[in-house]
Protein backbone atom coordinates (compact mmCIF):
# COMPACT_ATOMS: atom_id res chain seq x y z
CA MET A 1 0.13 0.22 -0.08
CA LEU A 2 1.64 3.48 -1.30
CA PHE A 3 1.32 6.72 0.08
CA ASN A 4 0.21 7.96 -2.68
CA SER A 5 -2.49 5.60 -3.46
CA ILE A 6 -6.24 6.00 -3.17
CA GLN A 7 -6.46 2.97 -0.70
CA TYR A 8 -4.16 4.92 1.78
CA LEU A 9 -5.79 8.39 2.06
CA LEU A 10 -9.13 7.78 1.83
CA LEU A 11 -9.62 4.62 3.52
CA PHE A 12 -6.60 3.04 5.35
CA LEU A 13 -5.51 6.17 7.12
CA PRO A 14 -9.04 7.89 7.84
CA LEU A 15 -10.13 3.92 9.25
CA SER A 16 -7.04 3.70 11.38
CA TRP A 17 -7.74 7.01 12.48
CA LEU A 18 -11.39 6.88 13.57
CA GLY A 19 -10.27 3.48 15.44
CA PHE A 20 -7.29 4.87 17.19
CA HIS A 21 -9.43 8.28 18.37
CA PHE A 22 -12.58 5.93 19.17
CA LEU A 23 -10.43 4.35 21.93
CA GLY A 24 -8.86 7.41 23.14
CA ARG A 25 -12.49 8.65 24.38
CA ARG A 26 -12.40 5.54 26.35
CA HIS A 27 -9.20 6.38 27.83
CA PHE A 28 -8.25 3.01 26.83
CA THR A 29 -4.44 3.59 26.61
CA ARG A 30 -3.26 0.74 25.55
CA GLY A 31 -5.82 -0.70 23.29
CA GLN A 32 -4.75 2.26 21.11
CA LEU A 33 -1.16 1.16 21.27
CA LEU A 34 -2.58 -2.41 20.17
CA TRP A 35 -5.02 -0.91 17.68
CA LEU A 36 -1.89 1.22 16.08
CA VAL A 37 0.36 -2.01 15.87
CA ALA A 38 -2.81 -3.88 14.18
CA CYS A 39 -2.72 -1.52 11.97
CA SER A 40 0.62 -1.47 10.70
CA LEU A 41 0.94 -4.96 10.46
CA PHE A 42 -1.79 -5.01 7.96
CA PHE A 43 -0.04 -2.16 6.37
CA TYR A 44 3.32 -4.04 5.78
CA ALA A 45 1.00 -7.32 4.80
CA SER A 46 -0.77 -5.44 1.98
CA TRP A 47 2.49 -5.67 0.15
CA ASN A 48 3.17 -8.91 0.89
CA PRO A 49 1.84 -11.01 3.59
CA VAL A 50 4.70 -13.61 4.28
CA PHE A 51 6.91 -11.06 5.49
CA VAL A 52 4.75 -10.56 8.27
CA THR A 53 6.11 -13.12 10.13
CA LEU A 54 9.84 -12.12 9.36
CA ILE A 55 9.04 -8.60 10.52
CA VAL A 56 7.62 -10.08 13.63
CA GLY A 57 10.75 -12.17 14.41
CA SER A 58 13.00 -9.62 13.75
CA VAL A 59 10.73 -7.46 16.40
CA SER A 60 10.97 -10.26 18.96
CA GLY A 61 14.26 -11.33 18.80
CA ASN A 62 15.35 -7.83 19.13
CA PHE A 63 13.32 -7.32 22.32
CA ILE A 64 14.67 -10.26 23.73
CA PHE A 65 18.25 -9.27 22.91
CA GLY A 66 17.52 -5.71 24.32
CA ARG A 67 16.22 -7.17 27.92
CA LEU A 68 18.95 -9.28 28.07
CA ILE A 69 21.59 -6.62 27.47
CA GLY A 70 19.37 -4.40 29.66
CA GLN A 71 19.68 -7.24 32.44
CA SER A 72 23.37 -7.89 31.67
CA LYS A 73 25.27 -8.29 34.96
CA SER A 74 28.72 -7.03 33.55
CA ALA A 75 30.00 -4.65 31.06
CA ARG A 76 31.56 -7.86 29.15
CA SER A 77 28.41 -9.97 28.79
CA SER A 78 26.76 -6.68 27.89
CA LYS A 79 29.14 -6.70 24.93
CA THR A 80 29.01 -10.01 23.87
CA LEU A 81 25.07 -10.12 23.46
CA LEU A 82 25.31 -6.70 21.37
CA THR A 83 27.26 -8.81 19.44
CA LEU A 84 25.22 -11.44 19.15
CA GLY A 85 22.23 -9.22 18.77
CA VAL A 86 23.64 -6.95 15.81
CA THR A 87 25.16 -10.33 13.65
CA PHE A 88 21.47 -11.30 14.18
CA ASN A 89 20.23 -8.36 12.36
CA LEU A 90 23.02 -7.93 9.94
CA ALA A 91 22.55 -11.44 8.91
CA LEU A 92 19.02 -11.31 8.18
CA LEU A 93 20.28 -8.14 6.26
CA ALA A 94 23.01 -9.82 4.21
CA TYR A 95 20.70 -12.87 3.18
CA PHE A 96 17.84 -11.07 1.83
CA LYS A 97 19.82 -7.83 0.47
CA TYR A 98 23.07 -8.90 -0.38
CA THR A 99 23.53 -12.97 -1.35
CA GLY A 100 22.77 -12.67 -5.20
CA PHE A 101 25.05 -9.41 -5.28
CA PHE A 102 28.08 -11.72 -3.12
CA ILE A 103 27.48 -14.91 -5.45
CA GLU A 104 27.32 -12.53 -8.72
CA ASN A 105 30.37 -11.43 -7.57
CA LEU A 106 32.31 -14.22 -6.47
CA ASN A 107 31.49 -16.07 -10.03
CA LEU A 108 32.97 -13.26 -11.94
CA LEU A 109 36.15 -13.54 -9.65
CA ALA A 110 36.61 -17.30 -9.44
CA SER A 111 35.26 -18.37 -12.59
CA THR A 112 32.34 -20.35 -11.00
CA LEU A 113 29.01 -21.08 -12.08
CA ILE A 114 27.18 -21.01 -8.51
CA PRO A 115 23.78 -20.52 -8.80
CA ILE A 116 21.62 -17.55 -8.10
CA PRO A 117 18.69 -17.94 -5.88
CA GLU A 118 15.65 -15.80 -6.48
CA ILE A 119 15.17 -13.97 -2.65
CA THR A 120 12.44 -11.17 -2.54
CA LEU A 121 13.63 -8.15 -0.81
CA PRO A 122 11.13 -8.02 2.22
CA LEU A 123 9.66 -4.22 2.09
CA ALA A 124 12.17 -1.80 4.76
CA ILE A 125 14.12 -4.60 5.65
CA SER A 126 17.17 -2.06 5.78
CA PHE A 127 15.32 0.49 7.55
CA PHE A 128 13.57 -1.50 10.69
CA THR A 129 17.39 -3.34 10.72
CA PHE A 130 18.88 -0.06 11.31
CA GLN A 131 16.57 1.31 13.66
CA GLN A 132 16.54 -1.93 15.67
CA ILE A 133 20.51 -1.94 15.54
CA ALA A 134 20.38 1.67 16.81
CA TYR A 135 17.93 0.20 19.64
CA LEU A 136 20.37 -2.34 20.77
CA VAL A 137 23.87 -0.13 20.60
CA ASP A 138 21.61 2.49 23.06
CA VAL A 139 20.05 -0.17 25.59
CA HIS A 140 23.89 -1.09 25.80
CA ARG A 141 25.06 2.19 26.52
CA ASP A 142 22.34 2.66 28.92
CA GLU A 143 20.37 5.17 26.93
CA ALA A 144 17.31 3.46 26.52
CA LYS A 145 14.62 2.93 29.12
CA ASP A 146 12.90 -0.23 29.84
CA TYR A 147 9.34 -0.46 27.84
CA SER A 148 6.74 -3.31 27.49
CA PHE A 149 6.81 -5.57 24.16
CA ILE A 150 3.58 -3.70 22.51
CA HIS A 151 5.62 -0.14 22.77
CA TYR A 152 8.70 -1.70 21.38
CA CYS A 153 6.20 -3.57 18.46
CA LEU A 154 4.85 0.10 17.92
CA PHE A 155 8.45 1.59 18.02
CA VAL A 156 9.76 -0.27 15.00
CA THR A 157 6.15 -1.39 13.36
CA PHE A 158 4.54 2.10 13.28
CA PHE A 159 3.15 2.44 10.11
CA PRO A 160 4.28 6.30 8.76
CA GLN A 161 7.66 5.34 9.38
CA LEU A 162 8.07 1.77 8.79
CA VAL A 163 8.82 1.45 5.27
CA ALA A 164 11.23 4.03 4.63
CA GLY A 165 12.22 6.41 7.46
CA PRO A 166 12.72 8.79 9.05
CA ILE A 167 15.00 6.15 11.49
CA VAL A 168 13.35 7.11 14.83
CA HIS A 169 15.63 6.76 18.17
CA HIS A 170 13.73 4.85 20.91
CA LYS A 171 14.35 7.87 23.13
CA GLU A 172 12.19 10.04 20.80
CA MET A 173 9.07 7.93 20.36
CA MET A 174 8.49 6.13 23.68
CA PRO A 175 7.61 8.80 25.80
CA GLN A 176 5.19 9.43 22.76
CA PHE A 177 3.63 6.15 22.89
CA ASP A 178 3.19 6.69 26.87
CA THR A 179 0.44 8.76 26.84
CA PRO A 180 -1.57 8.55 23.08
CA ALA A 181 -4.97 9.20 24.26
CA SER A 182 -4.35 13.17 24.72
CA GLY A 183 -2.72 13.71 21.59
CA GLY A 184 -4.48 12.30 18.35
CA ALA A 185 -7.49 13.88 18.95
CA GLY A 186 -6.36 17.39 19.19
CA LEU A 187 -7.51 20.19 16.22
CA GLU A 188 -4.10 21.48 15.71
CA ASN A 189 -2.82 17.81 14.91
CA ILE A 190 -5.58 17.14 12.30
CA GLN A 191 -4.90 20.49 10.66
CA VAL A 192 -1.30 20.14 10.60
CA GLY A 193 -1.08 16.80 10.09
CA ILE A 194 -3.22 17.14 6.32
CA THR A 195 -1.57 19.88 5.57
CA ILE A 196 1.96 18.24 5.73
CA ILE A 197 0.31 15.02 3.90
CA ILE A 198 -1.03 17.45 0.99
CA LEU A 199 2.52 19.14 0.76
CA GLY A 200 3.98 15.83 0.27
CA LEU A 201 1.47 14.19 -2.59
CA PHE A 202 2.47 17.74 -4.17
CA LYS A 203 6.24 16.91 -4.00
CA LYS A 204 5.60 13.06 -5.06
CA ILE A 205 3.00 13.59 -7.71
CA ILE A 206 3.07 17.03 -9.11
CA LEU A 207 7.03 17.44 -9.24
CA ALA A 208 8.86 13.95 -8.35
CA ASP A 209 6.73 12.08 -11.06
CA ASN A 210 6.77 14.48 -13.93
CA LEU A 211 10.26 15.35 -13.11
CA ALA A 212 10.82 11.56 -13.94
CA LEU A 213 9.54 11.79 -17.41
CA PHE A 214 12.32 13.70 -17.98
CA ALA A 215 14.87 11.70 -16.43
CA ASN A 216 14.11 7.90 -17.38
CA PRO A 217 14.03 7.88 -20.60
CA LEU A 218 17.58 9.88 -20.75
CA PHE A 219 19.06 7.03 -18.56
CA LEU A 220 17.52 4.00 -20.33
CA GLN A 221 19.04 5.56 -23.58
CA ALA A 222 22.56 5.75 -21.79
CA GLU A 223 21.86 2.17 -20.65
CA SER A 224 21.25 1.12 -24.09
CA GLY A 225 24.74 2.45 -25.11
CA ALA A 226 23.17 5.32 -27.02
CA GLY A 227 24.94 8.68 -26.54
CA LEU A 228 23.36 11.55 -25.02
CA SER A 229 23.91 15.08 -26.02
CA LEU A 230 25.06 17.87 -23.68
CA THR A 231 21.97 19.05 -23.30
CA GLU A 232 20.02 15.66 -22.81
CA ALA A 233 23.16 14.67 -20.09
CA TRP A 234 22.33 17.49 -18.50
CA VAL A 235 18.62 17.43 -18.61
CA ALA A 236 18.55 13.84 -16.93
CA VAL A 237 21.08 14.98 -14.35
CA GLY A 238 19.05 17.63 -13.26
CA ALA A 239 15.87 16.23 -13.65
CA PHE A 240 17.02 13.21 -11.34
CA THR A 241 18.13 15.90 -8.82
CA GLY A 242 15.00 17.04 -8.66
CA GLN A 243 13.03 14.13 -8.86
CA ILE A 244 14.98 12.04 -6.03
CA TYR A 245 14.78 14.65 -3.72
CA PHE A 246 10.54 15.69 -4.11
CA ASP A 247 10.19 11.76 -4.02
CA PHE A 248 11.96 11.10 -0.66
CA SER A 249 11.07 14.45 1.15
CA GLY A 250 7.58 13.99 -0.10
CA TYR A 251 7.67 10.61 1.36
CA THR A 252 8.95 11.51 4.48
CA ASP A 253 6.35 14.91 4.74
CA ILE A 254 3.51 12.43 4.10
CA ALA A 255 5.25 10.25 6.84
CA ILE A 256 5.30 13.13 9.53
CA GLY A 257 1.71 14.77 8.70
CA SER A 258 0.31 10.70 9.01
CA ALA A 259 1.97 10.41 12.43
CA ARG A 260 0.95 13.86 13.54
CA LEU A 261 -2.67 12.86 12.80
CA PHE A 262 -2.21 10.68 16.08
CA GLY A 263 -0.55 13.08 18.12
CA ILE A 264 2.81 11.86 17.25
CA LYS A 265 5.68 13.84 16.01
CA LEU A 266 8.36 11.80 13.90
CA PRO A 267 12.27 13.78 13.24
CA GLU A 268 13.04 16.04 10.82
CA ASN A 269 14.62 14.45 7.71
CA PHE A 270 15.34 17.13 5.37
CA TYR A 271 15.88 20.95 5.47
CA SER A 272 16.45 22.61 1.91
CA PRO A 273 19.81 20.08 1.19
CA TYR A 274 20.28 22.00 -2.24
CA LYS A 275 20.75 25.13 0.02
CA SER A 276 24.35 24.00 1.40
CA THR A 277 27.50 25.14 0.82
CA SER A 278 29.44 22.49 1.73
CA ILE A 279 29.25 18.44 1.60
CA ILE A 280 29.49 18.35 5.24
CA GLU A 281 26.48 20.81 5.68
CA PHE A 282 24.63 18.89 2.69
CA TRP A 283 24.84 15.54 5.05
CA ARG A 284 22.96 17.42 7.86
CA ARG A 285 20.43 18.36 5.72
CA TRP A 286 20.24 15.40 3.33
CA HIS A 287 17.95 12.51 5.05
CA ILE A 288 18.73 13.61 8.18
CA THR A 289 18.14 10.69 10.08
CA LEU A 290 20.49 8.52 8.24
CA SER A 291 23.17 10.72 8.77
CA ARG A 292 23.04 10.60 12.33
CA PHE A 293 22.91 6.72 12.38
CA LEU A 294 25.72 7.00 10.42
CA ARG A 295 28.10 8.99 12.13
CA ASP A 296 26.29 7.81 16.03
CA TYR A 297 26.39 4.09 15.15
CA LEU A 298 29.03 3.50 12.67
CA TYR A 299 31.88 6.32 12.48
CA ILE A 300 32.04 7.00 16.04
CA SER A 301 32.23 3.23 16.50
CA LEU A 302 35.13 3.25 13.85
CA GLY A 303 37.24 5.66 16.18
CA GLY A 304 35.56 8.79 14.61
CA ASN A 305 37.79 11.74 15.05
CA ARG A 306 39.89 10.48 17.95
CA ARG A 307 43.01 9.05 16.86
CA GLY A 308 44.15 11.56 14.23
CA SER A 309 43.43 13.02 10.66
CA PHE A 310 44.30 10.12 8.50
CA LYS A 311 41.96 7.45 10.82
CA ARG A 312 39.39 10.02 10.53
CA TYR A 313 39.70 10.24 6.81
CA ARG A 314 39.86 6.58 6.95
CA ASN A 315 36.91 6.57 9.18
CA LEU A 316 34.56 9.10 7.00
CA LEU A 317 35.45 6.72 3.27
CA LEU A 318 34.72 3.78 5.69
CA THR A 319 31.35 5.16 7.03
CA MET A 320 30.24 6.42 3.23
CA LEU A 321 31.09 3.09 1.40
CA LEU A 322 29.24 1.13 3.78
CA GLY A 323 26.22 3.81 3.77
CA GLY A 324 26.49 3.55 0.33
CA LEU A 325 26.44 -0.17 0.38
CA TRP A 326 23.31 -0.07 2.59
CA HIS A 327 21.20 1.43 -0.49
CA GLY A 328 21.62 -1.24 -2.45
CA ALA A 329 23.30 -4.49 -3.85
CA ASN A 330 25.15 -2.91 -6.46
CA TRP A 331 28.57 -1.33 -7.60
CA ASN A 332 26.73 1.71 -8.34
CA PHE A 333 26.17 2.55 -4.69
CA VAL A 334 28.99 1.75 -3.90
CA ILE A 335 31.14 3.85 -5.80
CA TRP A 336 28.31 6.87 -4.91
CA GLY A 337 29.49 6.19 -1.48
CA ALA A 338 33.05 6.57 -2.46
CA LEU A 339 32.64 9.70 -4.25
CA HIS A 340 30.84 11.30 -1.31
CA GLY A 341 33.48 9.94 1.20
CA THR A 342 36.17 11.25 -0.94
CA TYR A 343 33.92 14.99 -1.22
CA LEU A 344 33.83 14.87 2.87
CA VAL A 345 37.35 14.17 3.10
CA LEU A 346 38.39 17.02 0.96
CA ASN A 347 36.02 19.63 2.69
CA HIS A 348 37.23 18.61 6.01
CA PHE A 349 41.01 19.00 4.30
CA TRP A 350 40.27 22.18 3.24
CA ARG A 351 38.67 23.45 6.10
CA TYR A 352 41.88 22.02 8.15
CA LEU A 353 43.81 24.22 5.58
CA CYS A 354 41.88 27.27 6.19
CA GLY A 355 42.06 27.10 10.34
CA ARG A 356 46.01 26.27 9.70
CA PHE A 357 46.90 29.39 7.73
CA ASN A 358 44.17 31.30 8.58
CA ILE A 359 42.35 31.63 5.20
CA GLY A 360 39.00 33.10 4.99
CA THR A 361 36.18 30.80 3.67
CA GLY A 362 34.45 34.09 2.88
CA GLU A 363 30.99 31.95 3.02
CA SER A 364 29.14 34.48 4.56
CA GLY A 365 29.43 36.92 2.01
CA VAL A 366 26.38 36.39 -0.99
CA LEU A 367 29.22 35.88 -3.81
CA ALA A 368 30.96 33.28 -2.06
CA ARG A 369 27.76 31.42 -0.36
CA THR A 370 26.92 30.64 -4.51
CA VAL A 371 30.01 29.71 -5.41
CA TYR A 372 30.01 27.25 -2.56
CA GLN A 373 26.78 26.27 -3.33
CA THR A 374 27.14 26.09 -6.94
CA ILE A 375 29.98 23.54 -6.65
CA THR A 376 28.40 21.90 -3.72
CA LEU A 377 25.30 21.38 -5.99
CA LEU A 378 27.44 20.27 -8.97
CA ALA A 379 29.45 17.46 -6.47
CA VAL A 380 26.25 16.15 -5.53
CA MET A 381 24.62 16.03 -9.00
CA LEU A 382 27.56 13.96 -10.12
CA ALA A 383 27.25 11.61 -7.72
CA TRP A 384 23.41 11.27 -8.32
CA VAL A 385 24.52 10.15 -12.04
CA PHE A 386 25.92 6.61 -10.41
CA PHE A 387 22.78 6.53 -7.71
CA ARG A 388 20.21 6.50 -10.75
CA ALA A 389 22.37 4.51 -13.24
CA GLU A 390 21.65 0.82 -13.41
CA THR A 391 24.83 0.02 -14.35
CA THR A 392 28.51 1.55 -14.32
CA ALA A 393 28.50 1.57 -18.31
CA GLY A 394 25.22 3.67 -18.12
CA ALA A 395 26.63 6.24 -15.76
CA THR A 396 29.71 6.51 -17.61
CA VAL A 397 27.64 7.65 -20.93
CA VAL A 398 25.52 9.90 -18.86
CA ILE A 399 28.98 11.73 -17.34
CA THR A 400 30.66 11.74 -20.79
CA ALA A 401 27.93 13.45 -22.44
CA LEU A 402 28.03 16.28 -19.61
CA THR A 403 31.17 17.79 -21.45
CA ASN A 404 29.98 16.92 -24.66
CA PHE A 405 30.31 20.13 -26.55
CA SER A 406 30.29 18.76 -29.97
CA ASP A 407 26.75 17.81 -29.61
CA LEU A 408 24.36 20.38 -27.98
CA GLY A 409 21.09 19.28 -29.61
CA LEU A 410 18.06 17.99 -27.64
CA ASP A 411 15.65 15.66 -29.63
CA SER A 412 12.39 16.24 -30.57
CA ALA A 413 11.08 12.83 -29.98
CA TYR A 414 11.94 12.88 -26.47
CA ILE A 415 10.23 16.01 -25.80
CA ASN A 416 7.30 14.87 -27.97
CA SER A 417 7.49 11.54 -25.28
CA LEU A 418 7.11 14.21 -22.45
CA PHE A 419 3.74 15.62 -23.73
CA THR A 420 2.49 12.27 -24.34
CA GLY A 421 3.27 10.84 -21.18
CA GLN A 422 1.78 14.26 -19.01
CA PRO A 423 -1.21 15.58 -20.49
CA ALA A 424 -1.03 18.77 -18.52
CA PHE A 425 2.14 19.93 -20.46
CA GLY A 426 0.22 19.51 -23.43
CA LEU A 427 -2.70 21.71 -22.09
CA ILE A 428 -0.24 24.22 -20.89
CA HIS A 429 1.40 24.41 -24.51
CA ALA A 430 -2.04 24.96 -26.19
CA ASN A 431 -3.21 27.88 -24.07
CA LEU A 432 0.32 29.43 -25.20
CA PRO A 433 0.46 29.86 -28.74
CA GLY A 434 3.79 30.68 -30.18
CA VAL A 435 5.58 29.22 -27.37
CA SER A 436 7.23 25.97 -28.63
CA GLN A 437 6.89 22.64 -26.58
CA ALA A 438 10.58 22.66 -25.53
CA ALA A 439 10.23 26.23 -23.75
CA VAL A 440 6.80 24.58 -22.11
CA ALA A 441 8.89 21.31 -20.60
CA MET A 442 12.34 23.31 -19.53
CA THR A 443 10.37 26.22 -17.75
CA PHE A 444 8.59 23.48 -15.51
CA LEU A 445 12.37 21.37 -15.08
CA ILE A 446 13.57 24.90 -14.08
CA LEU A 447 11.01 26.09 -11.83
CA ALA A 448 11.07 22.59 -9.90
CA LEU A 449 14.65 23.01 -9.54
CA LEU A 450 14.36 26.50 -8.19
CA ILE A 451 12.03 25.52 -5.56
CA CYS A 452 14.42 23.11 -3.98
CA LEU A 453 16.89 26.41 -4.57
CA VAL A 454 14.59 29.23 -3.50
CA ALA A 455 11.83 28.17 -1.63
CA PRO A 456 10.81 27.42 2.31
CA ASN A 457 10.97 23.85 3.19
CA THR A 458 8.23 22.01 5.65
CA GLN A 459 9.39 23.34 8.59
CA GLN A 460 9.89 26.39 7.99
CA PHE A 461 6.76 27.12 6.53
CA MET A 462 5.35 25.02 9.32
CA ALA A 463 7.36 26.53 11.65
CA ASN A 464 4.57 28.12 13.92
CA TYR A 465 3.26 24.59 14.80
CA GLN A 466 6.45 22.34 15.28
CA PRO A 467 5.54 19.93 12.59
CA ALA A 468 8.40 17.48 13.64
CA LEU A 469 10.96 16.41 16.48
CA VAL A 470 14.05 18.49 15.15
CA VAL A 471 17.46 17.23 14.68
CA THR A 472 19.83 19.92 14.06
CA LYS A 473 19.19 23.45 15.21
CA TRP A 474 19.31 25.90 12.41
CA PRO A 475 19.65 29.69 12.48
CA VAL A 476 16.42 30.82 12.88
CA THR A 477 14.86 31.83 9.52
CA THR A 478 11.51 33.09 9.18
CA ALA A 479 9.66 32.55 5.87
CA ARG A 480 7.96 34.98 4.32
CA LEU A 481 5.13 32.63 4.50
CA LEU A 482 3.86 31.24 7.42
CA TRP A 483 1.27 28.80 7.46
CA ARG A 484 -1.84 29.43 9.70
CA PRO A 485 -5.14 27.52 10.10
CA CYS A 486 -7.31 30.14 7.83
CA ALA A 487 -9.79 29.84 5.04
CA LYS A 488 -6.79 31.24 2.79
CA TYR A 489 -4.85 28.37 3.42
CA ALA A 490 -8.01 25.80 3.23
CA VAL A 491 -8.55 26.77 -0.01
CA ALA A 492 -5.14 26.73 -1.34
CA PHE A 493 -4.51 23.30 0.01
CA ALA A 494 -7.62 21.48 -1.13
CA ALA A 495 -6.80 22.81 -4.62
CA LEU A 496 -3.52 21.28 -4.26
CA PHE A 497 -5.18 18.07 -2.90
CA TYR A 498 -7.62 18.07 -5.53
CA LEU A 499 -4.74 18.29 -8.56
CA ALA A 500 -2.91 15.82 -6.95
CA LEU A 501 -5.88 13.27 -6.31
CA LEU A 502 -5.97 14.01 -10.71
CA GLY A 503 -2.50 13.04 -10.79
CA ILE A 504 -2.45 9.73 -8.84
CA GLY A 505 -3.80 7.49 -11.79
CA SER A 506 -1.79 4.08 -11.08
CA ALA A 507 0.52 5.36 -8.14
CA SER A 508 3.89 4.85 -8.45
CA GLU A 509 6.43 3.73 -5.76
CA PHE A 510 8.90 5.82 -4.15
CA ILE A 511 12.50 5.80 -5.14
CA TYR A 512 13.38 4.52 -1.44
CA PHE A 513 10.87 1.59 -1.30
CA GLN A 514 13.58 -0.55 -3.03
CA PHE A 515 15.88 0.01 0.14
């Protein structure tokens, strides 16, 4: 069941909320928790009922490990149990996600013919595995309190964040589950939740899915071995840059909005990442809860920056390599992680040089900030090519074409395909006599990217109502347009919701569903 489907928006979510609200009016707190667990398991089962046993087994096993670690009498036994618990989680993840990848590369290197088994990747296994590893580590560090099995089940399976995050901490969610009866029925929660859901739907259906029309055929062309012109390559990369942001940010908005209907706040996950002036800042703004996990449970565990510059840079590279591999069993994800690891090393080294030789970075000036932001965005866009391409060969075709100044054209058949895929483009073009199809298409692409670069993000737009838990404290910036519950915004968001419903059709999967 997809967040951007009629089934979720008009059936599952309202019915889940009604049951939760009904139990809350009777002050049946435990019943509310059981109801949400049941709804969450039904939500998961709607994808593939077989794997409900997997997630229930994973939850049960980790709960037992957590109890044993918490009750252990010595640091040594606690560490041993933690090692066993982490191994249990990684073994499940490795079997389902990396078995085929390992055998394929073993066959290639050793010239063996080991058959590759057909293993279906369970939905959300990467996310709930990381979340539970973080829980076990927190218990070992004595940073997680003991709660009931029902609380823990809800912590892992809560349907708004189950499939693709945000990756939540035990200490963030458990206190909120203690008293759900007082939170779910508030009018403010309903207003804020619905507004954020509509924002997410707009990002996904109107922006991300239409940007996919630009990116997909060009990346397919590259995979086939056919070359791209310089313009086509930049259109492909620019379109995917916008698509992945609006797709995943839109998913997160719907997740945060859905949780808010039940009086639950999830952590923020995006904060205008393309406005970053460095790769370090980018990873504080992009997929914030994953960055937090990689920092707190991988980078620091490897030694962090405690053992000299060389090991610090090594740990950064290893962290990003493993972060890339976490995204998928594909060498392109490893290359993507290696690129970002290299970017981070260079960024930290540059900061070291600036401090060592008293070089001013000049990021406070408008011109300097623009230069830094442009360099950062271009680096991110280059790495996105490997993230999006199916093969390294396909990525190479796109990257080579980015400097193909001998061919600047844009195929007219490609432009026509955009209008076939999106009737709205044709409608706009029909009402603008004298304006070419290419101009209409490129205007949409440019405007979509400008929203990433200029517009306030969801947290800023909704700042007066604290829509999510703050993970990183940014300098206070007041958006010119601040949301408030009033007739003007009600009409505007009703119109956006109507447009989103028109565009749903056969709901498309979110990019991060494959992870």
